[in-house]
């Protein structure tokens, strides 16, 4: 294994030997095609059997028929529709639909919206309204409350984000005209997501 390189992990990952998490900055040994391992295992270590995967914890967030309808309408116009919501504490929740190659296509992924490697995946929401929570980053009670609010009133919750932040929750663009700031999102996104705008709102 003379081809293994010693370095600090640039991204989080899973150790090929113990199957435990590797954090950014941890010392690792890496080889192309064989992945990374904690440096403490050395080059000669043999991989342990993978532990049996445990079922994800779940929580009910409510009937998401209205939310799925928003995304379904938006997919007629956008390749990757998304919704960004603000938590009362100031944090961000980003909702997007899992693609056809995902573990569970068509479900709604819930993240903190950060870039790959530093982002947090809080779980996925099934069409039944059940949220499968992430193993490492589980949603807080205020996140669940916000998701339940969004499930009950998608348009009102989306509008509240825009009025609070001055940005559209769908495209994250600043709202500049009076009508858009009054409604909480712009006319283009309203058309994409099938939402009322202007006087109709």
C-alpha atoms as a PDB file:
ATOM      1  CA  UNK A   1       0.000   0.000   0.000  1.00  0.00           C
ATOM      2  CA  UNK A   2       2.816   2.357  -0.837  1.00  0.00           C
ATOM      3  CA  UNK A   3       0.448   4.488  -2.855  1.00  0.00           C
ATOM      4  CA  UNK A   4      -1.472   5.678   0.210  1.00  0.00           C
ATOM      5  CA  UNK A   5      -1.170   9.394   0.892  1.00  0.00           C
ATOM      6  CA  UNK A   6      -1.158  10.955   4.330  1.00  0.00           C
ATOM      7  CA  UNK A   7      -3.219  14.145   4.541  1.00  0.00           C
ATOM      8  CA  UNK A   8      -5.856  16.080   6.438  1.00  0.00           C
ATOM      9  CA  UNK A   9      -9.421  15.293   5.319  1.00  0.00           C
ATOM     10  CA  UNK A  10     -10.778  18.028   3.050  1.00  0.00           C
ATOM     11  CA  UNK A  11     -14.348  16.733   3.236  1.00  0.00           C
ATOM     12  CA  UNK A  12     -16.350  14.704   5.751  1.00  0.00           C
ATOM     13  CA  UNK A  13     -16.630  11.025   4.931  1.00  0.00           C
ATOM     14  CA  UNK A  14     -16.645   7.476   6.250  1.00  0.00           C
ATOM     15  CA  UNK A  15     -13.592   5.435   7.219  1.00  0.00           C
ATOM     16  CA  UNK A  16     -13.036   2.388   4.981  1.00  0.00           C
ATOM     17  CA  UNK A  17     -11.761   0.402   7.976  1.00  0.00           C
ATOM     18  CA  UNK A  18     -13.954   1.150  11.018  1.00  0.00           C
ATOM     19  CA  UNK A  19     -16.871   2.719   9.077  1.00  0.00           C
ATOM     20  CA  UNK A  20     -16.969   5.611  11.540  1.00  0.00           C
ATOM     21  CA  UNK A  21     -17.261   9.213  10.406  1.00  0.00           C
ATOM     22  CA  UNK A  22     -14.234  11.174   9.231  1.00  0.00           C
ATOM     23  CA  UNK A  23     -14.432  14.872  10.056  1.00  0.00           C
ATOM     24  CA  UNK A  24     -12.852  17.691   8.045  1.00  0.00           C
ATOM     25  CA  UNK A  25      -9.276  18.243   9.198  1.00  0.00           C
ATOM     26  CA  UNK A  26      -8.765  14.768  10.660  1.00  0.00           C
ATOM     27  CA  UNK A  27      -5.511  12.998   9.680  1.00  0.00           C
ATOM     28  CA  UNK A  28      -6.246  10.278   7.127  1.00  0.00           C
ATOM     29  CA  UNK A  29      -4.608   7.869   4.726  1.00  0.00           C
ATOM     30  CA  UNK A  30      -6.074   7.953   1.231  1.00  0.00           C
ATOM     31  CA  UNK A  31      -5.637   5.905  -1.919  1.00  0.00           C
ATOM     32  CA  UNK A  32      -7.431   6.284  -5.218  1.00  0.00           C
ATOM     33  CA  UNK A  33     -10.079   3.599  -5.633  1.00  0.00           C
ATOM     34  CA  UNK A  34      -9.868   2.510  -1.994  1.00  0.00           C
ATOM     35  CA  UNK A  35     -11.051   5.640  -0.235  1.00  0.00           C
ATOM     36  CA  UNK A  36      -9.946   7.123   3.060  1.00  0.00           C
ATOM     37  CA  UNK A  37      -9.226   5.675   6.484  1.00  0.00           C
ATOM     38  CA  UNK A  38      -8.338   7.190   9.823  1.00  0.00           C
ATOM     39  CA  UNK A  39      -4.547   7.530   9.951  1.00  0.00           C
ATOM     40  CA  UNK A  40      -4.425   5.624  13.262  1.00  0.00           C
ATOM     41  CA  UNK A  41      -5.405   2.404  11.453  1.00  0.00           C
ATOM     42  CA  UNK A  42      -2.216   2.383   9.414  1.00  0.00           C
ATOM     43  CA  UNK A  43      -1.760   0.964   5.928  1.00  0.00           C
ATOM     44  CA  UNK A  44      -2.088  -2.743   6.737  1.00  0.00           C
ATOM     45  CA  UNK A  45      -5.420  -2.685   8.594  1.00  0.00           C
ATOM     46  CA  UNK A  46      -8.231  -4.888   7.295  1.00  0.00           C
ATOM     47  CA  UNK A  47     -11.751  -3.494   7.004  1.00  0.00           C
ATOM     48  CA  UNK A  48     -14.181  -4.504   9.739  1.00  0.00           C
ATOM     49  CA  UNK A  49     -17.617  -5.877   8.749  1.00  0.00           C
ATOM     50  CA  UNK A  50     -20.063  -3.085   8.071  1.00  0.00           C
ATOM     51  CA  UNK A  51     -22.599  -2.642  10.891  1.00  0.00           C
ATOM     52  CA  UNK A  52     -26.213  -3.282   9.994  1.00  0.00           C
ATOM     53  CA  UNK A  53     -27.913  -0.033   9.057  1.00  0.00           C
ATOM     54  CA  UNK A  54     -30.483   1.168  11.570  1.00  0.00           C
ATOM     55  CA  UNK A  55     -33.812   2.642  10.530  1.00  0.00           C
ATOM     56  CA  UNK A  56     -33.952   6.418  10.638  1.00  0.00           C
ATOM     57  CA  UNK A  57     -35.925   8.113  13.390  1.00  0.00           C
ATOM     58  CA  UNK A  58     -39.166   9.608  12.095  1.00  0.00           C
ATOM     59  CA  UNK A  59     -41.501  12.467  12.941  1.00  0.00           C
ATOM     60  CA  UNK A  60     -44.812  13.547  11.397  1.00  0.00           C
ATOM     61  CA  UNK A  61     -44.918  16.978   9.769  1.00  0.00           C
ATOM     62  CA  UNK A  62     -48.426  16.796   8.314  1.00  0.00           C
ATOM     63  CA  UNK A  63     -50.150  16.640   4.957  1.00  0.00           C
ATOM     64  CA  UNK A  64     -47.731  17.950   2.329  1.00  0.00           C
ATOM     65  CA  UNK A  65     -50.108  17.727  -0.612  1.00  0.00           C
ATOM     66  CA  UNK A  66     -49.978  21.500  -1.076  1.00  0.00           C
ATOM     67  CA  UNK A  67     -46.169  21.552  -0.889  1.00  0.00           C
ATOM     68  CA  UNK A  68     -45.810  18.746  -3.420  1.00  0.00           C
ATOM     69  CA  UNK A  69     -48.220  20.614  -5.678  1.00  0.00           C
ATOM     70  CA  UNK A  70     -45.962  23.680  -5.516  1.00  0.00           C
ATOM     71  CA  UNK A  71     -42.923  21.656  -6.534  1.00  0.00           C
ATOM     72  CA  UNK A  72     -44.821  19.789  -9.247  1.00  0.00           C
ATOM     73  CA  UNK A  73     -45.915  23.054 -10.873  1.00  0.00           C
ATOM     74  CA  UNK A  74     -42.428  24.516 -10.572  1.00  0.00           C
ATOM     75  CA  UNK A  75     -40.821  21.496 -12.256  1.00  0.00           C
ATOM     76  CA  UNK A  76     -42.679  22.434 -15.428  1.00  0.00           C
ATOM     77  CA  UNK A  77     -40.488  25.548 -15.563  1.00  0.00           C
ATOM     78  CA  UNK A  78     -37.410  24.816 -13.403  1.00  0.00           C
ATOM     79  CA  UNK A  79     -34.957  21.911 -13.389  1.00  0.00           C
ATOM     80  CA  UNK A  80     -34.162  22.204  -9.679  1.00  0.00           C
ATOM     81  CA  UNK A  81     -36.969  24.003  -7.807  1.00  0.00           C
ATOM     82  CA  UNK A  82     -36.342  24.829  -4.182  1.00  0.00           C
ATOM     83  CA  UNK A  83     -37.838  26.667  -1.234  1.00  0.00           C
ATOM     84  CA  UNK A  84     -35.831  28.511   1.423  1.00  0.00           C
ATOM     85  CA  UNK A  85     -37.409  29.289   4.791  1.00  0.00           C
ATOM     86  CA  UNK A  86     -36.101  31.210   7.792  1.00  0.00           C
ATOM     87  CA  UNK A  87     -36.281  29.835  11.312  1.00  0.00           C
ATOM     88  CA  UNK A  88     -37.300  32.096  14.221  1.00  0.00           C
ATOM     89  CA  UNK A  89     -33.721  31.780  15.526  1.00  0.00           C
ATOM     90  CA  UNK A  90     -32.364  33.099  12.210  1.00  0.00           C
ATOM     91  CA  UNK A  91     -31.222  29.801  10.681  1.00  0.00           C
ATOM     92  CA  UNK A  92     -32.135  28.617   7.193  1.00  0.00           C
ATOM     93  CA  UNK A  93     -34.024  25.562   5.951  1.00  0.00           C
ATOM     94  CA  UNK A  94     -33.750  24.623   2.295  1.00  0.00           C
ATOM     95  CA  UNK A  95     -36.288  22.223   0.759  1.00  0.00           C
ATOM     96  CA  UNK A  96     -35.695  20.524  -2.578  1.00  0.00           C
ATOM     97  CA  UNK A  97     -37.016  17.454  -4.387  1.00  0.00           C
ATOM     98  CA  UNK A  98     -34.746  14.389  -4.567  1.00  0.00           C
ATOM     99  CA  UNK A  99     -33.813  13.476  -8.141  1.00  0.00           C
ATOM    100  CA  UNK A 100     -34.340  10.166  -9.969  1.00  0.00           C
ATOM    101  CA  UNK A 101     -30.951   8.794  -8.862  1.00  0.00           C
ATOM    102  CA  UNK A 102     -31.517   9.536  -5.180  1.00  0.00           C
ATOM    103  CA  UNK A 103     -32.087   6.817  -2.591  1.00  0.00           C
ATOM    104  CA  UNK A 104     -35.738   7.825  -2.419  1.00  0.00           C
ATOM    105  CA  UNK A 105     -36.628   9.824  -5.558  1.00  0.00           C
ATOM    106  CA  UNK A 106     -39.382  12.393  -5.294  1.00  0.00           C
ATOM    107  CA  UNK A 107     -39.063  12.933  -1.557  1.00  0.00           C
ATOM    108  CA  UNK A 108     -38.292  16.381  -0.155  1.00  0.00           C
ATOM    109  CA  UNK A 109     -34.767  16.865   1.194  1.00  0.00           C
ATOM    110  CA  UNK A 110     -34.351  19.260   4.107  1.00  0.00           C
ATOM    111  CA  UNK A 111     -30.931  20.890   4.557  1.00  0.00           C
ATOM    112  CA  UNK A 112     -29.375  24.066   5.926  1.00  0.00           C
ATOM    113  CA  UNK A 113     -28.626  25.195   2.375  1.00  0.00           C
ATOM    114  CA  UNK A 114     -24.835  25.226   2.820  1.00  0.00           C
ATOM    115  CA  UNK A 115     -22.386  23.907   0.219  1.00  0.00           C
ATOM    116  CA  UNK A 116     -21.428  20.237  -0.058  1.00  0.00           C
ATOM    117  CA  UNK A 117     -18.896  19.251   2.591  1.00  0.00           C
ATOM    118  CA  UNK A 118     -20.125  21.736   5.182  1.00  0.00           C
ATOM    119  CA  UNK A 119     -23.887  21.461   4.702  1.00  0.00           C
ATOM    120  CA  UNK A 120     -26.243  19.649   7.055  1.00  0.00           C
ATOM    121  CA  UNK A 121     -28.870  17.159   5.904  1.00  0.00           C
ATOM    122  CA  UNK A 122     -31.711  17.090   8.422  1.00  0.00           C
ATOM    123  CA  UNK A 123     -33.667  14.376   6.634  1.00  0.00           C
ATOM    124  CA  UNK A 124     -36.246  13.704   3.937  1.00  0.00           C
ATOM    125  CA  UNK A 125     -40.023  14.125   3.938  1.00  0.00           C
ATOM    126  CA  UNK A 126     -42.043  11.350   2.357  1.00  0.00           C
ATOM    127  CA  UNK A 127     -45.285  11.998   0.504  1.00  0.00           C
ATOM    128  CA  UNK A 128     -47.105  10.510   3.491  1.00  0.00           C
ATOM    129  CA  UNK A 129     -45.964  13.496   5.579  1.00  0.00           C
ATOM    130  CA  UNK A 130     -43.460  11.446   7.579  1.00  0.00           C
ATOM    131  CA  UNK A 131     -39.978  12.912   7.936  1.00  0.00           C
ATOM    132  CA  UNK A 132     -37.067  10.487   8.127  1.00  0.00           C
ATOM    133  CA  UNK A 133     -34.540  12.341  10.254  1.00  0.00           C
ATOM    134  CA  UNK A 134     -30.837  12.487   9.466  1.00  0.00           C
ATOM    135  CA  UNK A 135     -28.587  10.333  11.639  1.00  0.00           C
ATOM    136  CA  UNK A 136     -25.919  12.963  12.217  1.00  0.00           C
ATOM    137  CA  UNK A 137     -27.911  16.202  11.969  1.00  0.00           C
ATOM    138  CA  UNK A 138     -31.407  15.809  13.344  1.00  0.00           C
ATOM    139  CA  UNK A 139     -34.012  18.573  13.024  1.00  0.00           C
ATOM    140  CA  UNK A 140     -34.758  20.694  16.077  1.00  0.00           C
ATOM    141  CA  UNK A 141     -38.242  21.332  17.430  1.00  0.00           C
ATOM    142  CA  UNK A 142     -38.363  24.786  15.791  1.00  0.00           C
ATOM    143  CA  UNK A 143     -37.490  23.207  12.437  1.00  0.00           C
ATOM    144  CA  UNK A 144     -40.324  20.698  12.814  1.00  0.00           C
ATOM    145  CA  UNK A 145     -42.714  23.502  13.802  1.00  0.00           C
ATOM    146  CA  UNK A 146     -41.739  25.511  10.701  1.00  0.00           C
ATOM    147  CA  UNK A 147     -42.168  22.490   8.423  1.00  0.00           C
ATOM    148  CA  UNK A 148     -45.609  21.843   9.903  1.00  0.00           C
ATOM    149  CA  UNK A 149     -46.546  25.477   9.332  1.00  0.00           C
ATOM    150  CA  UNK A 150     -45.341  25.233   5.737  1.00  0.00           C
ATOM    151  CA  UNK A 151     -47.358  22.041   5.236  1.00  0.00           C
ATOM    152  CA  UNK A 152     -50.539  23.760   6.438  1.00  0.00           C
ATOM    153  CA  UNK A 153     -50.082  27.025   4.525  1.00  0.00           C
ATOM    154  CA  UNK A 154     -47.335  26.869   1.856  1.00  0.00           C
ATOM    155  CA  UNK A 155     -48.107  30.206   0.187  1.00  0.00           C
ATOM    156  CA  UNK A 156     -48.476  32.129   3.458  1.00  0.00           C
ATOM    157  CA  UNK A 157     -45.260  30.677   4.892  1.00  0.00           C
ATOM    158  CA  UNK A 158     -43.353  31.448   1.695  1.00  0.00           C
ATOM    159  CA  UNK A 159     -44.690  35.002   1.696  1.00  0.00           C
ATOM    160  CA  UNK A 160     -43.686  35.475   5.343  1.00  0.00           C
ATOM    161  CA  UNK A 161     -40.064  34.618   4.476  1.00  0.00           C
ATOM    162  CA  UNK A 162     -39.976  37.250   1.736  1.00  0.00           C
ATOM    163  CA  UNK A 163     -41.519  39.933   3.913  1.00  0.00           C
ATOM    164  CA  UNK A 164     -39.084  39.123   6.735  1.00  0.00           C
ATOM    165  CA  UNK A 165     -35.885  38.947   4.684  1.00  0.00           C
ATOM    166  CA  UNK A 166     -36.626  41.058   1.629  1.00  0.00           C
ATOM    167  CA  UNK A 167     -35.719  38.059  -0.557  1.00  0.00           C
ATOM    168  CA  UNK A 168     -37.856  35.618  -2.518  1.00  0.00           C
ATOM    169  CA  UNK A 169     -37.861  32.203  -0.844  1.00  0.00           C
ATOM    170  CA  UNK A 170     -37.894  30.459  -4.233  1.00  0.00           C
ATOM    171  CA  UNK A 171     -35.010  32.143  -6.111  1.00  0.00           C
ATOM    172  CA  UNK A 172     -33.298  33.990  -3.227  1.00  0.00           C
ATOM    173  CA  UNK A 173     -33.361  37.215  -5.240  1.00  0.00           C
ATOM    174  CA  UNK A 174     -33.890  40.555  -3.517  1.00  0.00           C
ATOM    175  CA  UNK A 175     -37.443  41.888  -3.814  1.00  0.00           C
ATOM    176  CA  UNK A 176     -37.216  45.383  -5.239  1.00  0.00           C
ATOM    177  CA  UNK A 177     -40.672  46.554  -6.287  1.00  0.00           C
ATOM    178  CA  UNK A 178     -43.508  47.431  -3.914  1.00  0.00           C
ATOM    179  CA  UNK A 179     -45.899  44.710  -5.080  1.00  0.00           C
ATOM    180  CA  UNK A 180     -43.303  41.976  -4.626  1.00  0.00           C
ATOM    181  CA  UNK A 181     -42.334  43.136  -1.137  1.00  0.00           C
ATOM    182  CA  UNK A 182     -46.011  43.311  -0.181  1.00  0.00           C
ATOM    183  CA  UNK A 183     -46.650  39.758  -1.389  1.00  0.00           C
ATOM    184  CA  UNK A 184     -43.311  38.266  -0.289  1.00  0.00           C
ATOM    185  CA  UNK A 185     -42.219  36.865  -3.679  1.00  0.00           C
ATOM    186  CA  UNK A 186     -41.961  38.096  -7.260  1.00  0.00           C
ATOM    187  CA  UNK A 187     -44.309  37.635 -10.242  1.00  0.00           C
ATOM    188  CA  UNK A 188     -41.996  35.222 -12.088  1.00  0.00           C
ATOM    189  CA  UNK A 189     -41.759  32.785  -9.172  1.00  0.00           C
ATOM    190  CA  UNK A 190     -45.476  33.209  -8.519  1.00  0.00           C
ATOM    191  CA  UNK A 191     -46.079  31.984 -12.049  1.00  0.00           C
ATOM    192  CA  UNK A 192     -43.623  29.108 -11.720  1.00  0.00           C
ATOM    193  CA  UNK A 193     -45.091  27.854  -8.452  1.00  0.00           C
ATOM    194  CA  UNK A 194     -48.725  28.621  -9.232  1.00  0.00           C
ATOM    195  CA  UNK A 195     -49.154  31.224  -6.505  1.00  0.00           C
ATOM    196  CA  UNK A 196     -51.268  34.407  -6.407  1.00  0.00           C
ATOM    197  CA  UNK A 197     -49.461  37.732  -6.849  1.00  0.00           C
ATOM    198  CA  UNK A 198     -50.350  41.413  -6.724  1.00  0.00           C
ATOM    199  CA  UNK A 199     -54.029  42.132  -6.138  1.00  0.00           C
ATOM    200  CA  UNK A 200     -54.880  38.454  -6.530  1.00  0.00           C
ATOM    201  CA  UNK A 201     -52.785  37.652  -3.439  1.00  0.00           C
END
